[in-house]
Amino acid sequence: VTSGGSTDYTDSVKGRFTISRDNAKNTAAYLQMNS
């Protein structure tokens, strides 16, 4: 995930995983993994 919020995923997790980041402090990133 870029600082602007653009994301990219490896094919095997597309549609299941979501990456995000804390843009307020830029000290955290997250990976939501479903299915």
Full PDB file with SEQRES, HELIX, SHEET, SSBOND, CRYST1, ORIGX, SCALE, CONECT and MASTER records, all heavy atoms in Angstrom:
SEQRES   1 A   35  VAL THR SER GLY GLY SER THR ASP TYR THR ASP SER VAL          
SEQRES   2 A   35  LYS GLY ARG PHE THR ILE SER ARG ASP ASN ALA LYS ASN          
SEQRES   3 A   35  THR ALA ALA TYR LEU GLN MET ASN SER                          
HELIX    1 AA1 ASP A   11  VAL A   13  5                                   3    
SHEET    1 AA1 2 PHE A  17  ARG A  21  0                                        
SHEET    2 AA1 2 ALA A  29  MET A  33 -1                                        
CRYST1    1.000    1.000    1.000  90.00  90.00  90.00 P 1           1          
ORIGX1      1.000000  0.000000  0.000000        0.00000                         
ORIGX2      0.000000  1.000000  0.000000        0.00000                         
ORIGX3      0.000000  0.000000  1.000000        0.00000                         
SCALE1      1.000000  0.000000  0.000000        0.00000                         
SCALE2      0.000000  1.000000  0.000000        0.00000                         
SCALE3      0.000000  0.000000  1.000000        0.00000                         
ATOM      1  N   VAL A   1       0.856  -1.194   0.000  1.00  0.00           N  
ATOM      2  CA  VAL A   1       0.000   0.000   0.000  1.00  0.00           C  
ATOM      3  C   VAL A   1       0.886   1.237   0.000  1.00  0.00           C  
ATOM      4  O   VAL A   1       1.857   1.336   0.747  1.00  0.00           O  
ATOM      5  CB  VAL A   1      -0.960  -0.013   1.209  1.00  0.00           C  
ATOM      6  CG1 VAL A   1      -0.212  -0.065   2.531  1.00  0.00           C  
ATOM      7  CG2 VAL A   1      -1.905   1.187   1.173  1.00  0.00           C  
ATOM      8  N   THR A   2       0.567   2.181  -0.882  1.00  0.00           N  
ATOM      9  CA  THR A   2       1.305   3.439  -0.930  1.00  0.00           C  
ATOM     10  C   THR A   2       0.770   4.395   0.135  1.00  0.00           C  
ATOM     11  O   THR A   2      -0.283   4.173   0.736  1.00  0.00           O  
ATOM     12  CB  THR A   2       1.165   4.090  -2.310  1.00  0.00           C  
ATOM     13  OG1 THR A   2      -0.185   4.551  -2.464  1.00  0.00           O  
ATOM     14  CG2 THR A   2       1.507   3.116  -3.428  1.00  0.00           C  
ATOM     15  N   SER A   3       1.487   5.491   0.329  1.00  0.00           N  
ATOM     16  CA  SER A   3       1.019   6.503   1.285  1.00  0.00           C  
ATOM     17  C   SER A   3      -0.286   7.132   0.808  1.00  0.00           C  
ATOM     18  O   SER A   3      -1.062   7.637   1.625  1.00  0.00           O  
ATOM     19  CB  SER A   3       2.083   7.574   1.486  1.00  0.00           C  
ATOM     20  OG  SER A   3       2.395   8.190   0.253  1.00  0.00           O  
ATOM     21  N   GLY A   4      -0.543   7.053  -0.480  1.00  0.00           N  
ATOM     22  CA  GLY A   4      -1.789   7.591  -1.025  1.00  0.00           C  
ATOM     23  C   GLY A   4      -2.941   6.615  -0.994  1.00  0.00           C  
ATOM     24  O   GLY A   4      -4.060   6.965  -1.375  1.00  0.00           O  
ATOM     25  N   GLY A   5      -2.663   5.381  -0.559  1.00  0.00           N  
ATOM     26  CA  GLY A   5      -3.725   4.403  -0.427  1.00  0.00           C  
ATOM     27  C   GLY A   5      -3.883   3.444  -1.583  1.00  0.00           C  
ATOM     28  O   GLY A   5      -4.766   2.582  -1.563  1.00  0.00           O  
ATOM     29  N   SER A   6      -3.062   3.562  -2.601  1.00  0.00           N  
ATOM     30  CA  SER A   6      -3.113   2.598  -3.700  1.00  0.00           C  
ATOM     31  C   SER A   6      -2.583   1.261  -3.214  1.00  0.00           C  
ATOM     32  O   SER A   6      -1.602   1.208  -2.476  1.00  0.00           O  
ATOM     33  CB  SER A   6      -2.289   3.093  -4.877  1.00  0.00           C  
ATOM     34  OG  SER A   6      -2.829   4.286  -5.391  1.00  0.00           O  
ATOM     35  N   THR A   7      -3.243   0.195  -3.647  1.00  0.00           N  
ATOM     36  CA  THR A   7      -2.888  -1.137  -3.164  1.00  0.00           C  
ATOM     37  C   THR A   7      -2.592  -2.088  -4.306  1.00  0.00           C  
ATOM     38  O   THR A   7      -3.038  -1.890  -5.441  1.00  0.00           O  
ATOM     39  CB  THR A   7      -4.020  -1.719  -2.300  1.00  0.00           C  
ATOM     40  OG1 THR A   7      -5.221  -1.785  -3.092  1.00  0.00           O  
ATOM     41  CG2 THR A   7      -4.275  -0.866  -1.071  1.00  0.00           C  
ATOM     42  N   ASP A   8      -1.857  -3.122  -3.994  1.00  0.00           N  
ATOM     43  CA  ASP A   8      -1.576  -4.183  -4.945  1.00  0.00           C  
ATOM     44  C   ASP A   8      -1.451  -5.491  -4.167  1.00  0.00           C  
ATOM     45  O   ASP A   8      -1.024  -5.475  -3.006  1.00  0.00           O  
ATOM     46  CB  ASP A   8      -0.291  -3.905  -5.722  1.00  0.00           C  
ATOM     47  CG  ASP A   8      -0.188  -4.751  -6.969  1.00  0.00           C  
ATOM     48  OD1 ASP A   8      -1.212  -5.333  -7.403  1.00  0.00           O  
ATOM     49  OD2 ASP A   8       0.926  -4.868  -7.520  1.00  0.00           O  
ATOM     50  N   TYR A   9      -1.835  -6.578  -4.814  1.00  0.00           N  
ATOM     51  CA  TYR A   9      -1.864  -7.874  -4.148  1.00  0.00           C  
ATOM     52  C   TYR A   9      -1.297  -8.957  -5.048  1.00  0.00           C  
ATOM     53  O   TYR A   9      -1.451  -8.899  -6.278  1.00  0.00           O  
ATOM     54  CB  TYR A   9      -3.308  -8.253  -3.782  1.00  0.00           C  
ATOM     55  CG  TYR A   9      -3.992  -7.261  -2.884  1.00  0.00           C  
ATOM     56  CD1 TYR A   9      -4.709  -6.186  -3.410  1.00  0.00           C  
ATOM     57  CD2 TYR A   9      -3.915  -7.388  -1.504  1.00  0.00           C  
ATOM     58  CE1 TYR A   9      -5.324  -5.264  -2.584  1.00  0.00           C  
ATOM     59  CE2 TYR A   9      -4.536  -6.474  -0.667  1.00  0.00           C  
ATOM     60  CZ  TYR A   9      -5.232  -5.425  -1.214  1.00  0.00           C  
ATOM     61  OH  TYR A   9      -5.845  -4.513  -0.391  1.00  0.00           O  
ATOM     62  N   THR A  10      -0.701  -9.954  -4.445  1.00  0.00           N  
ATOM     63  CA  THR A  10      -0.339 -11.121  -5.209  1.00  0.00           C  
ATOM     64  C   THR A  10      -1.628 -11.842  -5.604  1.00  0.00           C  
ATOM     65  O   THR A  10      -2.641 -11.771  -4.887  1.00  0.00           O  
ATOM     66  CB  THR A  10       0.598 -12.032  -4.407  1.00  0.00           C  
ATOM     67  OG1 THR A  10       1.157 -13.014  -5.255  1.00  0.00           O  
ATOM     68  CG2 THR A  10      -0.125 -12.700  -3.262  1.00  0.00           C  
ATOM     69  N   ASP A  11      -1.600 -12.516  -6.744  1.00  0.00           N  
ATOM     70  CA  ASP A  11      -2.831 -13.082  -7.292  1.00  0.00           C  
ATOM     71  C   ASP A  11      -3.558 -14.015  -6.322  1.00  0.00           C  
ATOM     72  O   ASP A  11      -4.785 -14.055  -6.289  1.00  0.00           O  
ATOM     73  CB  ASP A  11      -2.521 -13.835  -8.588  1.00  0.00           C  
ATOM     74  CG  ASP A  11      -2.242 -12.897  -9.755  1.00  0.00           C  
ATOM     75  OD1 ASP A  11      -2.541 -11.693  -9.633  1.00  0.00           O  
ATOM     76  OD2 ASP A  11      -1.725 -13.373 -10.788  1.00  0.00           O  
ATOM     77  N   SER A  12      -2.804 -14.761  -5.539  1.00  0.00           N  
ATOM     78  CA  SER A  12      -3.424 -15.781  -4.692  1.00  0.00           C  
ATOM     79  C   SER A  12      -4.279 -15.217  -3.566  1.00  0.00           C  
ATOM     80  O   SER A  12      -5.075 -15.952  -2.964  1.00  0.00           O  
ATOM     81  CB  SER A  12      -2.360 -16.711  -4.113  1.00  0.00           C  
ATOM     82  OG  SER A  12      -1.471 -15.982  -3.290  1.00  0.00           O  
ATOM     83  N   VAL A  13      -4.136 -13.928  -3.264  1.00  0.00           N  
ATOM     84  CA  VAL A  13      -4.907 -13.345  -2.161  1.00  0.00           C  
ATOM     85  C   VAL A  13      -5.887 -12.276  -2.628  1.00  0.00           C  
ATOM     86  O   VAL A  13      -6.641 -11.736  -1.811  1.00  0.00           O  
ATOM     87  CB  VAL A  13      -3.988 -12.757  -1.065  1.00  0.00           C  
ATOM     88  CG1 VAL A  13      -2.958 -13.791  -0.623  1.00  0.00           C  
ATOM     89  CG2 VAL A  13      -3.319 -11.475  -1.515  1.00  0.00           C  
ATOM     90  N   LYS A  14      -5.895 -11.975  -3.916  1.00  0.00           N  
ATOM     91  CA  LYS A  14      -6.800 -10.946  -4.425  1.00  0.00           C  
ATOM     92  C   LYS A  14      -8.245 -11.312  -4.119  1.00  0.00           C  
ATOM     93  O   LYS A  14      -8.672 -12.439  -4.321  1.00  0.00           O  
ATOM     94  CB  LYS A  14      -6.599 -10.766  -5.933  1.00  0.00           C  
ATOM     95  CG  LYS A  14      -5.362  -9.978  -6.290  1.00  0.00           C  
ATOM     96  CD  LYS A  14      -5.217  -9.807  -7.802  1.00  0.00           C  
ATOM     97  CE  LYS A  14      -3.964  -9.006  -8.134  1.00  0.00           C  
ATOM     98  NZ  LYS A  14      -3.753  -8.899  -9.591  1.00  0.00           N  
ATOM     99  N   GLY A  15      -8.984 -10.341  -3.623  1.00  0.00           N  
ATOM    100  CA  GLY A  15     -10.376 -10.563  -3.284  1.00  0.00           C  
ATOM    101  C   GLY A  15     -10.593 -11.125  -1.889  1.00  0.00           C  
ATOM    102  O   GLY A  15     -11.727 -11.198  -1.413  1.00  0.00           O  
ATOM    103  N   ARG A  16      -9.513 -11.517  -1.224  1.00  0.00           N  
ATOM    104  CA  ARG A  16      -9.623 -12.088   0.125  1.00  0.00           C  
ATOM    105  C   ARG A  16      -8.907 -11.244   1.173  1.00  0.00           C  
ATOM    106  O   ARG A  16      -9.359 -11.154   2.312  1.00  0.00           O  
ATOM    107  CB  ARG A  16      -9.048 -13.510   0.147  1.00  0.00           C  
ATOM    108  CG  ARG A  16      -9.734 -14.468  -0.819  1.00  0.00           C  
ATOM    109  CD  ARG A  16      -9.244 -15.906  -0.609  1.00  0.00           C  
ATOM    110  NE  ARG A  16      -7.823 -16.079  -0.866  1.00  0.00           N  
ATOM    111  CZ  ARG A  16      -6.949 -16.517   0.038  1.00  0.00           C  
ATOM    112  NH1 ARG A  16      -7.342 -16.810   1.261  1.00  0.00           N  
ATOM    113  NH2 ARG A  16      -5.675 -16.653  -0.287  1.00  0.00           N  
ATOM    114  N   PHE A  17      -7.783 -10.656   0.799  1.00  0.00           N  
ATOM    115  CA  PHE A  17      -6.984  -9.863   1.730  1.00  0.00           C  
ATOM    116  C   PHE A  17      -7.127  -8.380   1.406  1.00  0.00           C  
ATOM    117  O   PHE A  17      -7.268  -7.997   0.243  1.00  0.00           O  
ATOM    118  CB  PHE A  17      -5.508 -10.241   1.636  1.00  0.00           C  
ATOM    119  CG  PHE A  17      -5.152 -11.597   2.174  1.00  0.00           C  
ATOM    120  CD1 PHE A  17      -6.109 -12.535   2.503  1.00  0.00           C  
ATOM    121  CD2 PHE A  17      -3.810 -11.928   2.344  1.00  0.00           C  
ATOM    122  CE1 PHE A  17      -5.767 -13.777   2.986  1.00  0.00           C  
ATOM    123  CE2 PHE A  17      -3.449 -13.176   2.837  1.00  0.00           C  
ATOM    124  CZ  PHE A  17      -4.429 -14.100   3.155  1.00  0.00           C  
ATOM    125  N   THR A  18      -7.051  -7.570   2.445  1.00  0.00           N  
ATOM    126  CA  THR A  18      -7.073  -6.122   2.270  1.00  0.00           C  
ATOM    127  C   THR A  18      -5.976  -5.499   3.121  1.00  0.00           C  
ATOM    128  O   THR A  18      -5.928  -5.727   4.337  1.00  0.00           O  
ATOM    129  CB  THR A  18      -8.428  -5.529   2.686  1.00  0.00           C  
ATOM    130  OG1 THR A  18      -9.475  -6.148   1.937  1.00  0.00           O  
ATOM    131  CG2 THR A  18      -8.453  -4.030   2.441  1.00  0.00           C  
ATOM    132  N   ILE A  19      -5.118  -4.734   2.478  1.00  0.00           N  
ATOM    133  CA  ILE A  19      -4.061  -4.030   3.187  1.00  0.00           C  
ATOM    134  C   ILE A  19      -4.483  -2.584   3.387  1.00  0.00           C  
ATOM    135  O   ILE A  19      -5.139  -1.988   2.534  1.00  0.00           O  
ATOM    136  CB  ILE A  19      -2.714  -4.112   2.431  1.00  0.00           C  
ATOM    137  CG1 ILE A  19      -1.576  -3.550   3.276  1.00  0.00           C  
ATOM    138  CG2 ILE A  19      -2.809  -3.418   1.070  1.00  0.00           C  
ATOM    139  CD1 ILE A  19      -0.189  -3.790   2.673  1.00  0.00           C  
ATOM    140  N   SER A  20      -4.124  -2.039   4.535  1.00  0.00           N  
ATOM    141  CA  SER A  20      -4.419  -0.632   4.811  1.00  0.00           C  
ATOM    142  C   SER A  20      -3.319  -0.077   5.703  1.00  0.00           C  
ATOM    143  O   SER A  20      -2.460  -0.818   6.188  1.00  0.00           O  
ATOM    144  CB  SER A  20      -5.789  -0.486   5.473  1.00  0.00           C  
ATOM    145  OG  SER A  20      -5.834  -1.189   6.699  1.00  0.00           O  
ATOM    146  N   ARG A  21      -3.351   1.229   5.891  1.00  0.00           N  
ATOM    147  CA  ARG A  21      -2.352   1.863   6.742  1.00  0.00           C  
ATOM    148  C   ARG A  21      -2.993   3.013   7.491  1.00  0.00           C  
ATOM    149  O   ARG A  21      -4.017   3.561   7.079  1.00  0.00           O  
ATOM    150  CB  ARG A  21      -1.157   2.328   5.920  1.00  0.00           C  
ATOM    151  CG  ARG A  21      -1.470   3.406   4.901  1.00  0.00           C  
ATOM    152  CD  ARG A  21      -0.292   3.583   3.945  1.00  0.00           C  
ATOM    153  NE  ARG A  21       0.891   4.112   4.625  1.00  0.00           N  
ATOM    154  CZ  ARG A  21       2.109   4.060   4.098  1.00  0.00           C  
ATOM    155  NH1 ARG A  21       2.304   3.498   2.913  1.00  0.00           N  
ATOM    156  NH2 ARG A  21       3.138   4.584   4.741  1.00  0.00           N  
ATOM    157  N   ASP A  22      -2.355   3.383   8.578  1.00  0.00           N  
ATOM    158  CA  ASP A  22      -2.810   4.500   9.392  1.00  0.00           C  
ATOM    159  C   ASP A  22      -2.179   5.762   8.829  1.00  0.00           C  
ATOM    160  O   ASP A  22      -1.017   6.052   9.089  1.00  0.00           O  
ATOM    161  CB  ASP A  22      -2.392   4.269  10.840  1.00  0.00           C  
ATOM    162  CG  ASP A  22      -2.594   5.503  11.696  1.00  0.00           C  
ATOM    163  OD1 ASP A  22      -3.326   6.408  11.264  1.00  0.00           O  
ATOM    164  OD2 ASP A  22      -2.019   5.551  12.792  1.00  0.00           O  
ATOM    165  N   ASN A  23      -2.941   6.510   8.064  1.00  0.00           N  
ATOM    166  CA  ASN A  23      -2.373   7.693   7.411  1.00  0.00           C  
ATOM    167  C   ASN A  23      -2.303   8.909   8.327  1.00  0.00           C  
ATOM    168  O   ASN A  23      -1.726   9.922   7.955  1.00  0.00           O  
ATOM    169  CB  ASN A  23      -3.179   8.041   6.156  1.00  0.00           C  
ATOM    170  CG  ASN A  23      -2.865   7.092   5.015  1.00  0.00           C  
ATOM    171  OD1 ASN A  23      -1.725   6.695   4.829  1.00  0.00           O  
ATOM    172  ND2 ASN A  23      -3.869   6.721   4.255  1.00  0.00           N  
ATOM    173  N   ALA A  24      -2.870   8.788   9.509  1.00  0.00           N  
ATOM    174  CA  ALA A  24      -2.812   9.906  10.445  1.00  0.00           C  
ATOM    175  C   ALA A  24      -1.403  10.033  11.025  1.00  0.00           C  
ATOM    176  O   ALA A  24      -0.830  11.121  11.071  1.00  0.00           O  
ATOM    177  CB  ALA A  24      -3.836   9.714  11.554  1.00  0.00           C  
ATOM    178  N   LYS A  25      -0.861   8.895  11.426  1.00  0.00           N  
ATOM    179  CA  LYS A  25       0.475   8.914  12.036  1.00  0.00           C  
ATOM    180  C   LYS A  25       1.506   8.162  11.209  1.00  0.00           C  
ATOM    181  O   LYS A  25       2.703   8.271  11.454  1.00  0.00           O  
ATOM    182  CB  LYS A  25       0.423   8.299  13.438  1.00  0.00           C  
ATOM    183  CG  LYS A  25      -0.440   9.071  14.425  1.00  0.00           C  
ATOM    184  CD  LYS A  25      -0.369   8.431  15.805  1.00  0.00           C  
ATOM    185  CE  LYS A  25      -1.192   9.216  16.807  1.00  0.00           C  
ATOM    186  NZ  LYS A  25      -1.135   8.609  18.166  1.00  0.00           N  
ATOM    187  N   ASN A  26       1.041   7.390  10.240  1.00  0.00           N  
ATOM    188  CA  ASN A  26       1.948   6.598   9.397  1.00  0.00           C  
ATOM    189  C   ASN A  26       2.857   5.688  10.204  1.00  0.00           C  
ATOM    190  O   ASN A  26       4.012   5.469   9.834  1.00  0.00           O  
ATOM    191  CB  ASN A  26       2.795   7.521   8.506  1.00  0.00           C  
ATOM    192  CG  ASN A  26       2.039   7.942   7.273  1.00  0.00           C  
ATOM    193  OD1 ASN A  26       1.377   7.141   6.626  1.00  0.00           O  
ATOM    194  ND2 ASN A  26       2.117   9.213   6.945  1.00  0.00           N  
ATOM    195  N   THR A  27       2.346   5.163  11.294  1.00  0.00           N  
ATOM    196  CA  THR A  27       3.134   4.239  12.103  1.00  0.00           C  
ATOM    197  C   THR A  27       2.520   2.856  12.175  1.00  0.00           C  
ATOM    198  O   THR A  27       2.977   2.020  12.952  1.00  0.00           O  
ATOM    199  CB  THR A  27       3.296   4.768  13.540  1.00  0.00           C  
ATOM    200  OG1 THR A  27       1.993   4.983  14.098  1.00  0.00           O  
ATOM    201  CG2 THR A  27       4.090   6.061  13.566  1.00  0.00           C  
ATOM    202  N   ALA A  28       1.495   2.605  11.370  1.00  0.00           N  
ATOM    203  CA  ALA A  28       0.853   1.298  11.436  1.00  0.00           C  
ATOM    204  C   ALA A  28       0.352   0.881  10.059  1.00  0.00           C  
ATOM    205  O   ALA A  28      -0.022   1.713   9.230  1.00  0.00           O  
ATOM    206  CB  ALA A  28      -0.317   1.320  12.419  1.00  0.00           C  
ATOM    207  N   ALA A  29       0.364  -0.401   9.858  1.00  0.00           N  
ATOM    208  CA  ALA A  29      -0.223  -0.994   8.664  1.00  0.00           C  
ATOM    209  C   ALA A  29      -1.004  -2.225   9.113  1.00  0.00           C  
ATOM    210  O   ALA A  29      -0.723  -2.796  10.170  1.00  0.00           O  
ATOM    211  CB  ALA A  29       0.854  -1.380   7.654  1.00  0.00           C  
ATOM    212  N   TYR A  30      -1.963  -2.607   8.299  1.00  0.00           N  
ATOM    213  CA  TYR A  30      -2.837  -3.703   8.683  1.00  0.00           C  
ATOM    214  C   TYR A  30      -3.060  -4.633   7.493  1.00  0.00           C  
ATOM    215  O   TYR A  30      -3.014  -4.201   6.342  1.00  0.00           O  
ATOM    216  CB  TYR A  30      -4.195  -3.162   9.151  1.00  0.00           C  
ATOM    217  CG  TYR A  30      -4.091  -2.132  10.238  1.00  0.00           C  
ATOM    218  CD1 TYR A  30      -4.047  -0.777   9.918  1.00  0.00           C  
ATOM    219  CD2 TYR A  30      -4.021  -2.503  11.565  1.00  0.00           C  
ATOM    220  CE1 TYR A  30      -3.929   0.182  10.904  1.00  0.00           C  
ATOM    221  CE2 TYR A  30      -3.903  -1.546  12.563  1.00  0.00           C  
ATOM    222  CZ  TYR A  30      -3.861  -0.215  12.233  1.00  0.00           C  
ATOM    223  OH  TYR A  30      -3.743   0.727  13.216  1.00  0.00           O  
ATOM    224  N   LEU A  31      -3.312  -5.893   7.816  1.00  0.00           N  
ATOM    225  CA  LEU A  31      -3.688  -6.849   6.779  1.00  0.00           C  
ATOM    226  C   LEU A  31      -4.933  -7.586   7.261  1.00  0.00           C  
ATOM    227  O   LEU A  31      -4.872  -8.344   8.232  1.00  0.00           O  
ATOM    228  CB  LEU A  31      -2.555  -7.843   6.498  1.00  0.00           C  
ATOM    229  CG  LEU A  31      -2.802  -8.774   5.321  1.00  0.00           C  
ATOM    230  CD1 LEU A  31      -2.832  -7.978   4.003  1.00  0.00           C  
ATOM    231  CD2 LEU A  31      -1.734  -9.859   5.247  1.00  0.00           C  
ATOM    232  N   GLN A  32      -6.045  -7.313   6.614  1.00  0.00           N  
ATOM    233  CA  GLN A  32      -7.284  -8.028   6.896  1.00  0.00           C  
ATOM    234  C   GLN A  32      -7.343  -9.237   5.991  1.00  0.00           C  
ATOM    235  O   GLN A  32      -7.307  -9.098   4.766  1.00  0.00           O  
ATOM    236  CB  GLN A  32      -8.505  -7.135   6.652  1.00  0.00           C  
ATOM    237  CG  GLN A  32      -9.844  -7.822   6.847  1.00  0.00           C  
ATOM    238  CD  GLN A  32     -10.099  -8.211   8.289  1.00  0.00           C  
ATOM    239  OE1 GLN A  32      -9.848  -7.427   9.202  1.00  0.00           O  
ATOM    240  NE2 GLN A  32     -10.607  -9.421   8.496  1.00  0.00           N  
ATOM    241  N   MET A  33      -7.425 -10.407   6.583  1.00  0.00           N  
ATOM    242  CA  MET A  33      -7.407 -11.650   5.821  1.00  0.00           C  
ATOM    243  C   MET A  33      -8.737 -12.375   6.017  1.00  0.00           C  
ATOM    244  O   MET A  33      -9.066 -12.760   7.138  1.00  0.00           O  
ATOM    245  CB  MET A  33      -6.248 -12.535   6.279  1.00  0.00           C  
ATOM    246  CG  MET A  33      -4.898 -11.838   6.223  1.00  0.00           C  
ATOM    247  SD  MET A  33      -3.512 -12.951   6.561  1.00  0.00           S  
ATOM    248  CE  MET A  33      -3.879 -13.398   8.243  1.00  0.00           C  
ATOM    249  N   ASN A  34      -9.462 -12.545   4.945  1.00  0.00           N  
ATOM    250  CA  ASN A  34     -10.748 -13.249   4.973  1.00  0.00           C  
ATOM    251  C   ASN A  34     -10.665 -14.505   4.121  1.00  0.00           C  
ATOM    252  O   ASN A  34      -9.758 -14.663   3.302  1.00  0.00           O  
ATOM    253  CB  ASN A  34     -11.853 -12.334   4.448  1.00  0.00           C  
ATOM    254  CG  ASN A  34     -12.040 -11.086   5.283  1.00  0.00           C  
ATOM    255  OD1 ASN A  34     -11.819 -11.092   6.497  1.00  0.00           O  
ATOM    256  ND2 ASN A  34     -12.444 -10.001   4.634  1.00  0.00           N  
ATOM    257  N   SER A  35     -11.628 -15.381   4.301  1.00  0.00           N  
ATOM    258  CA  SER A  35     -11.705 -16.619   3.522  1.00  0.00           C  
ATOM    259  C   SER A  35     -10.361 -17.338   3.498  1.00  0.00           C  
ATOM    260  O   SER A  35      -9.873 -17.750   2.443  1.00  0.00           O  
ATOM    261  CB  SER A  35     -12.176 -16.308   2.085  1.00  0.00           C  
ATOM    262  OG  SER A  35     -13.419 -15.661   2.087  1.00  0.00           O  
TER     263      SER A  35                                                      
MASTER        0    0    0    1    2    0    0    6  262    1    0    3          
END                                                                             
